[in-house]
Amino acid sequence: MLRYALSLPNGGECGDPRFLLELAQRGEAAGWDGIFLEDYVSYQGDPHAPTCDVWTTLAAIAVRTQHVVLGTSVTPVPRRRPWNVAREAAVIDQLSGGRFVLGVGIGDAGEHVVADASFTHFGEVLDRRLRAEMLDEGLAIIDALWRGEPMRFQGKHYLIDEVTFLPRPVQQPRIPIWVGGGYPLPGPTRRALAWDGSLLYKARTAKHGDDGAEEGVMTPDDVRRLRQLAGDRPFDIAVGGPPRGRDVDAERAHITAMAAAGATWWKEWIPPGDPDTMRRSVDAGPLRVG
C-alpha cells in the first residue's frame, strides 16, 4: 500500500521552527502519513538564509503529533558525528513512540556543492569519495550503537573505544535507514540496498564519480528495477515530485504507475514561500490513488 508524505524545507519561512511545527501538525490533521524534513545547516547552501535546526524541531514535532512517520530527507552523516546522530535519532524515536526514519546521504553532490555553505563555511570534507567512505563507516557505527551492546570501532575515519548506548530506540532491530543519492550510480544504489529503504533520485550525470550526480526524477522503470534488486525482503522506496500542478489527472496517473512499479511512499515537496500558500498546500492533503 502506498503511503503519502510531506517533504518540507528547514529554511526560508520554515527557518522559524514554530511555523514548521504548525505545518507538521496541519499535515497530520489533513491525513498525510509522513513528514520528512530537509537537513541543512545553511538552507540550500546559502550562508545568509534563515534556517532552523531539524533535530530539535523534530523532537517538538514528535511530542505534538500522534500518528505520522517522521524523518530526515536527508541528513548528511559525513558532516555530523555518527554517535550524535545515533543519540538524537534514538531520542526522537522514543519521543514519537517508534515513528522515526533516518534518511541519510553524503550531502549535496551536484555542481553547486562548491558553494554550499553547509560544507564550505564550516571546514567540512568536500571530496565526495571521502564523504562516501565516511557515510559507510558512520552507518556501521550508528547501527552498532543502536544495538545497546558494548562496541568498539576502528576505521579509516572514526575510532571508538568501548562504549554502550542505552536506552535503545523503540523500533527493533533498528530505526529504519533510508539512503539518498543518485540512481543508478553504483555507490548510492549499493548503499541503499544494504539498508532499509531508498530516497534515491535519478542521476543525470556521473562526471564526479560513483557518488556524484545532478538531481533528476525517478521513473516507474527505475522503481521497478530497484524493487527487483531489493528482492522479496521488506524495502521501502520513497519517490516524489514538486508541488501539485493543474493537471491532477496526469499526476494521479503518474503516482499510480509509481505504486504499481513498487514504490511504497509518495513524497510531495512543499517549497518555502508565502506562508498561506504553504498552509493551503499542506491542508489539501495527499492525492491518493487506488
C-alpha atoms as a PDB file:
ATOM      1  CA  MET A   1       0.000   0.000   0.000  1.00  0.00           C
ATOM      2  CA  LEU A   2       1.324   3.413  -0.991  1.00  0.00           C
ATOM      3  CA  ARG A   3       1.738   5.972   1.775  1.00  0.00           C
ATOM      4  CA  TYR A   4       1.985   9.729   1.377  1.00  0.00           C
ATOM      5  CA  ALA A   5       4.420  12.165   2.965  1.00  0.00           C
ATOM      6  CA  LEU A   6       5.043  15.869   3.021  1.00  0.00           C
ATOM      7  CA  SER A   7       8.590  16.909   2.165  1.00  0.00           C
ATOM      8  CA  LEU A   8       9.228  20.186   3.967  1.00  0.00           C
ATOM      9  CA  PRO A   9      12.159  22.628   3.932  1.00  0.00           C
ATOM     10  CA  ASN A  10      14.068  23.711   7.012  1.00  0.00           C
ATOM     11  CA  GLY A  11      14.749  27.153   5.593  1.00  0.00           C
ATOM     12  CA  GLY A  12      13.040  30.231   4.250  1.00  0.00           C
ATOM     13  CA  GLU A  13       9.723  30.640   6.059  1.00  0.00           C
ATOM     14  CA  CYS A  14      10.427  27.274   7.699  1.00  0.00           C
ATOM     15  CA  GLY A  15      13.561  28.744   9.208  1.00  0.00           C
ATOM     16  CA  ASP A  16      11.139  29.547  12.036  1.00  0.00           C
ATOM     17  CA  PRO A  17      10.686  26.209  13.856  1.00  0.00           C
ATOM     18  CA  ARG A  18       7.289  27.327  15.143  1.00  0.00           C
ATOM     19  CA  PHE A  19       5.976  27.564  11.583  1.00  0.00           C
ATOM     20  CA  LEU A  20       7.486  24.202  10.683  1.00  0.00           C
ATOM     21  CA  LEU A  21       5.795  22.677  13.738  1.00  0.00           C
ATOM     22  CA  GLU A  22       2.490  24.237  12.667  1.00  0.00           C
ATOM     23  CA  LEU A  23       2.804  22.735   9.177  1.00  0.00           C
ATOM     24  CA  ALA A  24       3.578  19.310  10.615  1.00  0.00           C
ATOM     25  CA  GLN A  25       0.505  19.422  12.865  1.00  0.00           C
ATOM     26  CA  ARG A  26      -1.665  20.624   9.991  1.00  0.00           C
ATOM     27  CA  GLY A  27      -0.224  17.838   7.842  1.00  0.00           C
ATOM     28  CA  GLU A  28      -1.246  15.161  10.317  1.00  0.00           C
ATOM     29  CA  ALA A  29      -4.728  16.668  10.581  1.00  0.00           C
ATOM     30  CA  ALA A  30      -5.018  16.715   6.762  1.00  0.00           C
ATOM     31  CA  GLY A  31      -4.308  12.982   6.503  1.00  0.00           C
ATOM     32  CA  TRP A  32      -0.655  12.845   5.457  1.00  0.00           C
ATOM     33  CA  ASP A  33       1.129   9.658   6.541  1.00  0.00           C
ATOM     34  CA  GLY A  34       4.602  11.131   6.976  1.00  0.00           C
ATOM     35  CA  ILE A  35       6.531  14.362   7.497  1.00  0.00           C
ATOM     36  CA  PHE A  36      10.099  14.450   6.125  1.00  0.00           C
ATOM     37  CA  LEU A  37      12.370  17.440   6.714  1.00  0.00           C
ATOM     38  CA  GLU A  38      15.424  18.594   4.811  1.00  0.00           C
ATOM     39  CA  ASP A  39      18.584  18.862   6.900  1.00  0.00           C
ATOM     40  CA  TYR A  40      20.719  21.891   6.064  1.00  0.00           C
ATOM     41  CA  VAL A  41      22.961  23.961   8.320  1.00  0.00           C
ATOM     42  CA  SER A  42      22.633  26.824   5.822  1.00  0.00           C
ATOM     43  CA  TYR A  43      19.479  26.338   3.790  1.00  0.00           C
ATOM     44  CA  GLN A  44      20.257  25.141   0.248  1.00  0.00           C
ATOM     45  CA  GLY A  45      23.827  26.286   0.717  1.00  0.00           C
ATOM     46  CA  ASP A  46      23.015  29.965   1.257  1.00  0.00           C
ATOM     47  CA  PRO A  47      25.091  31.266   4.199  1.00  0.00           C
ATOM     48  CA  HIS A  48      22.532  34.010   4.882  1.00  0.00           C
ATOM     49  CA  ALA A  49      19.258  32.052   4.536  1.00  0.00           C
ATOM     50  CA  PRO A  50      17.009  31.667   7.595  1.00  0.00           C
ATOM     51  CA  THR A  51      17.499  28.052   8.694  1.00  0.00           C
ATOM     52  CA  CYS A  52      16.254  26.033  11.658  1.00  0.00           C
ATOM     53  CA  ASP A  53      17.833  23.013  13.312  1.00  0.00           C
ATOM     54  CA  VAL A  54      16.000  19.942  12.091  1.00  0.00           C
ATOM     55  CA  TRP A  55      16.711  17.704  15.070  1.00  0.00           C
ATOM     56  CA  THR A  56      15.338  19.931  17.812  1.00  0.00           C
ATOM     57  CA  THR A  57      12.361  20.717  15.573  1.00  0.00           C
ATOM     58  CA  LEU A  58      11.698  17.014  15.012  1.00  0.00           C
ATOM     59  CA  ALA A  59      11.725  16.488  18.769  1.00  0.00           C
ATOM     60  CA  ALA A  60       8.994  19.116  19.114  1.00  0.00           C
ATOM     61  CA  ILE A  61       7.005  17.575  16.252  1.00  0.00           C
ATOM     62  CA  ALA A  62       7.364  14.133  17.835  1.00  0.00           C
ATOM     63  CA  VAL A  63       5.598  15.211  21.018  1.00  0.00           C
ATOM     64  CA  ARG A  64       2.939  17.281  19.210  1.00  0.00           C
ATOM     65  CA  THR A  65       1.829  14.588  16.744  1.00  0.00           C
ATOM     66  CA  GLN A  66       0.374  11.130  17.218  1.00  0.00           C
ATOM     67  CA  HIS A  67       0.487   9.068  14.039  1.00  0.00           C
ATOM     68  CA  VAL A  68       2.665  10.480  11.249  1.00  0.00           C
ATOM     69  CA  VAL A  69       6.014   8.922  10.422  1.00  0.00           C
ATOM     70  CA  LEU A  70       8.841  11.433  10.913  1.00  0.00           C
ATOM     71  CA  GLY A  71      12.111  11.510   9.036  1.00  0.00           C
ATOM     72  CA  THR A  72      15.016  13.417   7.528  1.00  0.00           C
ATOM     73  CA  SER A  73      15.436  13.671   3.788  1.00  0.00           C
ATOM     74  CA  VAL A  74      18.337  13.612   4.072  1.00  0.00           C
ATOM     75  CA  THR A  75      20.907  14.004   6.864  1.00  0.00           C
ATOM     76  CA  PRO A  76      24.478  14.269   5.501  1.00  0.00           C
ATOM     77  CA  VAL A  77      26.182  11.979   8.006  1.00  0.00           C
ATOM     78  CA  PRO A  78      29.737  12.989   6.899  1.00  0.00           C
ATOM     79  CA  ARG A  79      29.233  16.463   8.386  1.00  0.00           C
ATOM     80  CA  ARG A  80      27.899  15.014  11.648  1.00  0.00           C
ATOM     81  CA  ARG A  81      29.404  12.884  14.405  1.00  0.00           C
ATOM     82  CA  PRO A  82      27.770   9.463  13.887  1.00  0.00           C
ATOM     83  CA  TRP A  83      27.408   8.935  17.625  1.00  0.00           C
ATOM     84  CA  ASN A  84      25.497  12.202  17.933  1.00  0.00           C
ATOM     85  CA  VAL A  85      23.199  11.138  15.097  1.00  0.00           C
ATOM     86  CA  ALA A  86      22.644   7.805  16.854  1.00  0.00           C
ATOM     87  CA  ARG A  87      21.730   9.529  20.140  1.00  0.00           C
ATOM     88  CA  GLU A  88      19.460  12.132  18.559  1.00  0.00           C
ATOM     89  CA  ALA A  89      17.656   9.628  16.347  1.00  0.00           C
ATOM     90  CA  ALA A  90      17.058   7.327  19.315  1.00  0.00           C
ATOM     91  CA  VAL A  91      15.571  10.207  21.327  1.00  0.00           C
ATOM     92  CA  ILE A  92      13.176  11.173  18.521  1.00  0.00           C
ATOM     93  CA  ASP A  93      12.185   7.529  18.109  1.00  0.00           C
ATOM     94  CA  GLN A  94      11.476   7.355  21.849  1.00  0.00           C
ATOM     95  CA  LEU A  95       9.544  10.645  21.939  1.00  0.00           C
ATOM     96  CA  SER A  96       7.440   9.590  18.946  1.00  0.00           C
ATOM     97  CA  GLY A  97       6.793   6.049  20.142  1.00  0.00           C
ATOM     98  CA  GLY A  98       8.733   4.477  17.275  1.00  0.00           C
ATOM     99  CA  ARG A  99       7.798   6.713  14.326  1.00  0.00           C
ATOM    100  CA  PHE A 100      11.209   7.859  13.118  1.00  0.00           C
ATOM    101  CA  VAL A 101      13.053   7.106   9.852  1.00  0.00           C
ATOM    102  CA  LEU A 102      16.679   8.185   9.395  1.00  0.00           C
ATOM    103  CA  GLY A 103      17.278   9.365   5.848  1.00  0.00           C
ATOM    104  CA  VAL A 104      20.979   9.707   5.026  1.00  0.00           C
ATOM    105  CA  GLY A 105      23.337  10.772   2.267  1.00  0.00           C
ATOM    106  CA  ILE A 106      26.757  12.254   1.618  1.00  0.00           C
ATOM    107  CA  GLY A 107      25.399  15.785   1.199  1.00  0.00           C
ATOM    108  CA  ASP A 108      24.648  17.800  -1.916  1.00  0.00           C
ATOM    109  CA  ALA A 109      26.501  16.129  -4.754  1.00  0.00           C
ATOM    110  CA  GLY A 110      25.765  18.392  -7.724  1.00  0.00           C
ATOM    111  CA  GLU A 111      27.910  21.072  -9.255  1.00  0.00           C
ATOM    112  CA  HIS A 112      26.695  23.627  -6.690  1.00  0.00           C
ATOM    113  CA  VAL A 113      28.317  21.763  -3.784  1.00  0.00           C
ATOM    114  CA  VAL A 114      31.369  24.040  -4.083  1.00  0.00           C
ATOM    115  CA  ALA A 115      29.106  26.915  -2.987  1.00  0.00           C
ATOM    116  CA  ASP A 116      27.174  25.028  -0.291  1.00  0.00           C
ATOM    117  CA  ALA A 117      27.882  26.905   2.909  1.00  0.00           C
ATOM    118  CA  SER A 118      26.757  23.892   4.961  1.00  0.00           C
ATOM    119  CA  PHE A 119      30.097  22.391   3.892  1.00  0.00           C
ATOM    120  CA  THR A 120      32.392  25.154   2.685  1.00  0.00           C
ATOM    121  CA  HIS A 121      31.891  27.632   5.514  1.00  0.00           C
ATOM    122  CA  PHE A 122      32.478  25.172   8.337  1.00  0.00           C
ATOM    123  CA  GLY A 123      35.577  23.312   7.196  1.00  0.00           C
ATOM    124  CA  GLU A 124      33.705  20.136   6.217  1.00  0.00           C
ATOM    125  CA  VAL A 125      35.108  17.454   3.918  1.00  0.00           C
ATOM    126  CA  LEU A 126      34.318  18.339   0.294  1.00  0.00           C
ATOM    127  CA  ASP A 127      35.743  15.322  -1.512  1.00  0.00           C
ATOM    128  CA  ARG A 128      32.782  13.115  -2.482  1.00  0.00           C
ATOM    129  CA  ARG A 129      34.664   9.831  -2.317  1.00  0.00           C
ATOM    130  CA  LEU A 130      35.878  10.587   1.196  1.00  0.00           C
ATOM    131  CA  ARG A 131      32.360  11.576   2.233  1.00  0.00           C
ATOM    132  CA  ALA A 132      31.052   8.298   0.809  1.00  0.00           C
ATOM    133  CA  GLU A 133      33.598   6.404   2.925  1.00  0.00           C
ATOM    134  CA  MET A 134      32.593   8.426   5.979  1.00  0.00           C
ATOM    135  CA  LEU A 135      28.925   7.672   5.352  1.00  0.00           C
ATOM    136  CA  ASP A 136      29.532   3.928   5.145  1.00  0.00           C
ATOM    137  CA  GLU A 137      31.584   3.933   8.344  1.00  0.00           C
ATOM    138  CA  GLY A 138      29.077   6.228  10.038  1.00  0.00           C
ATOM    139  CA  LEU A 139      26.146   3.931   9.255  1.00  0.00           C
ATOM    140  CA  ALA A 140      28.030   0.922  10.610  1.00  0.00           C
ATOM    141  CA  ILE A 141      28.670   2.867  13.830  1.00  0.00           C
ATOM    142  CA  ILE A 142      25.059   4.062  14.175  1.00  0.00           C
ATOM    143  CA  ASP A 143      23.703   0.555  13.631  1.00  0.00           C
ATOM    144  CA  ALA A 144      26.093  -0.914  16.207  1.00  0.00           C
ATOM    145  CA  LEU A 145      25.328   1.755  18.818  1.00  0.00           C
ATOM    146  CA  TRP A 146      21.568   1.222  18.473  1.00  0.00           C
ATOM    147  CA  ARG A 147      22.006  -2.431  19.464  1.00  0.00           C
ATOM    148  CA  GLY A 148      22.699  -1.341  23.041  1.00  0.00           C
ATOM    149  CA  GLU A 149      25.670  -3.666  23.473  1.00  0.00           C
ATOM    150  CA  PRO A 150      29.317  -2.857  24.191  1.00  0.00           C
ATOM    151  CA  MET A 151      31.045  -1.952  20.932  1.00  0.00           C
ATOM    152  CA  ARG A 152      34.349  -0.701  19.588  1.00  0.00           C
ATOM    153  CA  PHE A 153      35.129   0.641  16.139  1.00  0.00           C
ATOM    154  CA  GLN A 154      38.314   1.284  14.225  1.00  0.00           C
ATOM    155  CA  GLY A 155      38.032   2.557  10.684  1.00  0.00           C
ATOM    156  CA  LYS A 156      39.728   4.934   8.305  1.00  0.00           C
ATOM    157  CA  HIS A 157      37.768   7.950   9.538  1.00  0.00           C
ATOM    158  CA  TYR A 158      36.457   7.076  13.019  1.00  0.00           C
ATOM    159  CA  LEU A 159      37.846   5.434  16.141  1.00  0.00           C
ATOM    160  CA  ILE A 160      35.651   4.468  19.112  1.00  0.00           C
ATOM    161  CA  ASP A 161      36.780   2.916  22.393  1.00  0.00           C
ATOM    162  CA  GLU A 162      34.378   0.559  24.124  1.00  0.00           C
ATOM    163  CA  VAL A 163      31.016   2.201  24.745  1.00  0.00           C
ATOM    164  CA  THR A 164      27.398   1.139  25.263  1.00  0.00           C
ATOM    165  CA  PHE A 165      24.492   3.307  24.124  1.00  0.00           C
ATOM    166  CA  LEU A 166      21.313   2.981  26.216  1.00  0.00           C
ATOM    167  CA  PRO A 167      18.369   3.261  26.115  1.00  0.00           C
ATOM    168  CA  ARG A 168      17.838   1.644  22.736  1.00  0.00           C
ATOM    169  CA  PRO A 169      15.419   3.051  20.148  1.00  0.00           C
ATOM    170  CA  VAL A 170      11.816   1.877  20.316  1.00  0.00           C
ATOM    171  CA  GLN A 171      11.961   0.247  16.875  1.00  0.00           C
ATOM    172  CA  GLN A 172      13.732  -3.081  16.610  1.00  0.00           C
ATOM    173  CA  PRO A 173      16.027  -4.340  15.276  1.00  0.00           C
ATOM    174  CA  ARG A 174      16.753  -0.660  14.483  1.00  0.00           C
ATOM    175  CA  ILE A 175      15.336   2.616  13.295  1.00  0.00           C
ATOM    176  CA  PRO A 176      14.859   2.256   9.517  1.00  0.00           C
ATOM    177  CA  ILE A 177      17.701   3.748   7.477  1.00  0.00           C
ATOM    178  CA  TRP A 178      16.800   5.065   4.031  1.00  0.00           C
ATOM    179  CA  VAL A 179      19.605   6.177   1.720  1.00  0.00           C
ATOM    180  CA  GLY A 180      19.620   9.044  -0.756  1.00  0.00           C
ATOM    181  CA  GLY A 181      21.861   9.686  -3.743  1.00  0.00           C
ATOM    182  CA  GLY A 182      21.873   9.262  -7.499  1.00  0.00           C
ATOM    183  CA  TYR A 183      20.334   6.178  -9.113  1.00  0.00           C
ATOM    184  CA  PRO A 184      21.620   4.044 -10.842  1.00  0.00           C
ATOM    185  CA  LEU A 185      25.113   5.135  -9.785  1.00  0.00           C
ATOM    186  CA  PRO A 186      26.850   2.147  -8.141  1.00  0.00           C
ATOM    187  CA  GLY A 187      27.736   3.755  -4.798  1.00  0.00           C
ATOM    188  CA  PRO A 188      24.343   5.152  -3.749  1.00  0.00           C
ATOM    189  CA  THR A 189      22.446   2.166  -5.190  1.00  0.00           C
ATOM    190  CA  ARG A 190      24.632  -0.363  -3.372  1.00  0.00           C
ATOM    191  CA  ARG A 191      24.356   1.623  -0.170  1.00  0.00           C
ATOM    192  CA  ALA A 192      20.561   1.892  -0.313  1.00  0.00           C
ATOM    193  CA  LEU A 193      20.201  -1.839  -0.946  1.00  0.00           C
ATOM    194  CA  ALA A 194      22.408  -2.563   2.064  1.00  0.00           C
ATOM    195  CA  TRP A 195      19.936  -0.860   4.403  1.00  0.00           C
ATOM    196  CA  ASP A 196      16.162  -0.468   4.709  1.00  0.00           C
ATOM    197  CA  GLY A 197      14.977   1.871   2.004  1.00  0.00           C
ATOM    198  CA  SER A 198      15.648   4.251  -0.855  1.00  0.00           C
ATOM    199  CA  LEU A 199      15.412   8.022  -1.134  1.00  0.00           C
ATOM    200  CA  LEU A 200      17.331   7.887  -4.403  1.00  0.00           C
ATOM    201  CA  TYR A 201      16.804  10.371  -7.204  1.00  0.00           C
ATOM    202  CA  LYS A 202      17.586   9.827 -10.901  1.00  0.00           C
ATOM    203  CA  ALA A 203      21.219  10.631 -11.749  1.00  0.00           C
ATOM    204  CA  ARG A 204      21.623  12.734 -14.877  1.00  0.00           C
ATOM    205  CA  THR A 205      25.392  12.663 -14.976  1.00  0.00           C
ATOM    206  CA  ALA A 206      28.194  10.703 -13.359  1.00  0.00           C
ATOM    207  CA  LYS A 207      31.008  13.126 -14.129  1.00  0.00           C
ATOM    208  CA  HIS A 208      32.065  13.254 -10.483  1.00  0.00           C
ATOM    209  CA  GLY A 209      32.362   9.510  -9.952  1.00  0.00           C
ATOM    210  CA  ASP A 210      30.075   6.962  -8.437  1.00  0.00           C
ATOM    211  CA  ASP A 211      28.562   9.308  -5.836  1.00  0.00           C
ATOM    212  CA  GLY A 212      28.242  12.493  -7.907  1.00  0.00           C
ATOM    213  CA  ALA A 213      25.083  13.418  -9.791  1.00  0.00           C
ATOM    214  CA  GLU A 214      22.719  16.184 -10.678  1.00  0.00           C
ATOM    215  CA  GLU A 215      19.229  15.613  -9.396  1.00  0.00           C
ATOM    216  CA  GLY A 216      16.516  14.168 -11.629  1.00  0.00           C
ATOM    217  CA  VAL A 217      13.222  12.354 -11.269  1.00  0.00           C
ATOM    218  CA  MET A 218      12.874   8.608 -10.852  1.00  0.00           C
ATOM    219  CA  THR A 219      10.678   6.846 -13.414  1.00  0.00           C
ATOM    220  CA  PRO A 220       8.423   3.801 -12.954  1.00  0.00           C
ATOM    221  CA  ASP A 221      11.042   1.713 -14.787  1.00  0.00           C
ATOM    222  CA  ASP A 222      13.697   2.894 -12.300  1.00  0.00           C
ATOM    223  CA  VAL A 223      11.466   1.942  -9.384  1.00  0.00           C
ATOM    224  CA  ARG A 224      10.672  -1.440 -10.913  1.00  0.00           C
ATOM    225  CA  ARG A 225      14.365  -2.227 -11.370  1.00  0.00           C
ATOM    226  CA  LEU A 226      15.212  -1.103  -7.848  1.00  0.00           C
ATOM    227  CA  ARG A 227      12.433  -3.280  -6.473  1.00  0.00           C
ATOM    228  CA  GLN A 228      13.875  -6.253  -8.368  1.00  0.00           C
ATOM    229  CA  LEU A 229      17.333  -5.565  -6.953  1.00  0.00           C
ATOM    230  CA  ALA A 230      15.922  -5.381  -3.422  1.00  0.00           C
ATOM    231  CA  GLY A 231      14.285  -8.802  -3.770  1.00  0.00           C
ATOM    232  CA  ASP A 232      11.447 -10.067  -1.613  1.00  0.00           C
ATOM    233  CA  ARG A 233      12.585  -8.554   1.694  1.00  0.00           C
ATOM    234  CA  PRO A 234      10.832  -5.512   3.170  1.00  0.00           C
ATOM    235  CA  PHE A 235      12.364  -2.481   1.486  1.00  0.00           C
ATOM    236  CA  ASP A 236      10.838   0.989   1.235  1.00  0.00           C
ATOM    237  CA  ILE A 237      11.131   3.023  -1.945  1.00  0.00           C
ATOM    238  CA  ALA A 238      10.226   6.682  -1.488  1.00  0.00           C
ATOM    239  CA  VAL A 239       9.729   8.777  -4.621  1.00  0.00           C
ATOM    240  CA  GLY A 240       8.136  12.119  -5.193  1.00  0.00           C
ATOM    241  CA  GLY A 241       7.824  15.320  -7.065  1.00  0.00           C
ATOM    242  CA  PRO A 242       7.182  19.063  -6.933  1.00  0.00           C
ATOM    243  CA  PRO A 243       4.006  20.719  -5.648  1.00  0.00           C
ATOM    244  CA  ARG A 244       0.771  19.633  -7.246  1.00  0.00           C
ATOM    245  CA  GLY A 245       0.108  21.219 -10.621  1.00  0.00           C
ATOM    246  CA  ARG A 246      -3.051  21.873 -12.547  1.00  0.00           C
ATOM    247  CA  ASP A 247      -3.238  18.546 -14.357  1.00  0.00           C
ATOM    248  CA  VAL A 248      -4.409  16.455 -11.442  1.00  0.00           C
ATOM    249  CA  ASP A 249      -5.410  13.528 -13.651  1.00  0.00           C
ATOM    250  CA  ALA A 250      -1.890  13.272 -15.109  1.00  0.00           C
ATOM    251  CA  GLU A 251      -0.349  13.415 -11.656  1.00  0.00           C
ATOM    252  CA  ARG A 252      -2.733  10.787 -10.366  1.00  0.00           C
ATOM    253  CA  ALA A 253      -1.788   8.523 -13.289  1.00  0.00           C
ATOM    254  CA  HIS A 254       1.921   9.058 -12.559  1.00  0.00           C
ATOM    255  CA  ILE A 255       1.533   8.237  -8.868  1.00  0.00           C
ATOM    256  CA  THR A 256      -0.492   5.149  -9.799  1.00  0.00           C
ATOM    257  CA  ALA A 257       2.311   3.987 -12.114  1.00  0.00           C
ATOM    258  CA  MET A 258       4.906   4.513  -9.379  1.00  0.00           C
ATOM    259  CA  ALA A 259       2.861   2.466  -6.920  1.00  0.00           C
ATOM    260  CA  ALA A 260       2.393  -0.321  -9.459  1.00  0.00           C
ATOM    261  CA  ALA A 261       6.163  -0.377 -10.060  1.00  0.00           C
ATOM    262  CA  GLY A 262       6.852  -0.960  -6.365  1.00  0.00           C
ATOM    263  CA  ALA A 263       7.113   2.453  -4.675  1.00  0.00           C
ATOM    264  CA  THR A 264       5.915   2.442  -1.059  1.00  0.00           C
ATOM    265  CA  TRP A 265       5.969   6.205  -0.362  1.00  0.00           C
ATOM    266  CA  TRP A 266       4.995   9.240  -2.439  1.00  0.00           C
ATOM    267  CA  LYS A 267       6.601  12.452  -1.114  1.00  0.00           C
ATOM    268  CA  GLU A 268       5.143  15.811  -2.168  1.00  0.00           C
ATOM    269  CA  TRP A 269       7.567  18.716  -1.962  1.00  0.00           C
ATOM    270  CA  ILE A 270       6.263  21.968  -0.459  1.00  0.00           C
ATOM    271  CA  PRO A 271       8.810  24.700  -1.266  1.00  0.00           C
ATOM    272  CA  PRO A 272       9.412  27.672   1.028  1.00  0.00           C
ATOM    273  CA  GLY A 273       7.405  30.715   0.103  1.00  0.00           C
ATOM    274  CA  ASP A 274       4.254  32.536   1.056  1.00  0.00           C
ATOM    275  CA  PRO A 275       3.073  31.032   4.378  1.00  0.00           C
ATOM    276  CA  ASP A 276      -0.597  30.942   3.424  1.00  0.00           C
ATOM    277  CA  THR A 277       0.214  29.207   0.136  1.00  0.00           C
ATOM    278  CA  MET A 278       2.238  26.629   2.043  1.00  0.00           C
ATOM    279  CA  ARG A 279      -0.612  26.122   4.512  1.00  0.00           C
ATOM    280  CA  ARG A 280      -3.097  25.569   1.689  1.00  0.00           C
ATOM    281  CA  SER A 281      -0.812  23.000   0.051  1.00  0.00           C
ATOM    282  CA  VAL A 282      -0.473  21.084   3.306  1.00  0.00           C
ATOM    283  CA  ASP A 283      -4.190  21.359   4.146  1.00  0.00           C
ATOM    284  CA  ALA A 284      -5.143  19.933   0.732  1.00  0.00           C
ATOM    285  CA  GLY A 285      -3.958  16.529   1.921  1.00  0.00           C
ATOM    286  CA  PRO A 286      -2.420  13.797  -0.238  1.00  0.00           C
ATOM    287  CA  LEU A 287      -3.546  12.976  -3.771  1.00  0.00           C
ATOM    288  CA  ARG A 288      -4.404   9.359  -3.002  1.00  0.00           C
ATOM    289  CA  VAL A 289      -4.728   6.710  -5.706  1.00  0.00           C
ATOM    290  CA  GLY A 290      -6.062   3.180  -5.794  1.00  0.00           C
END
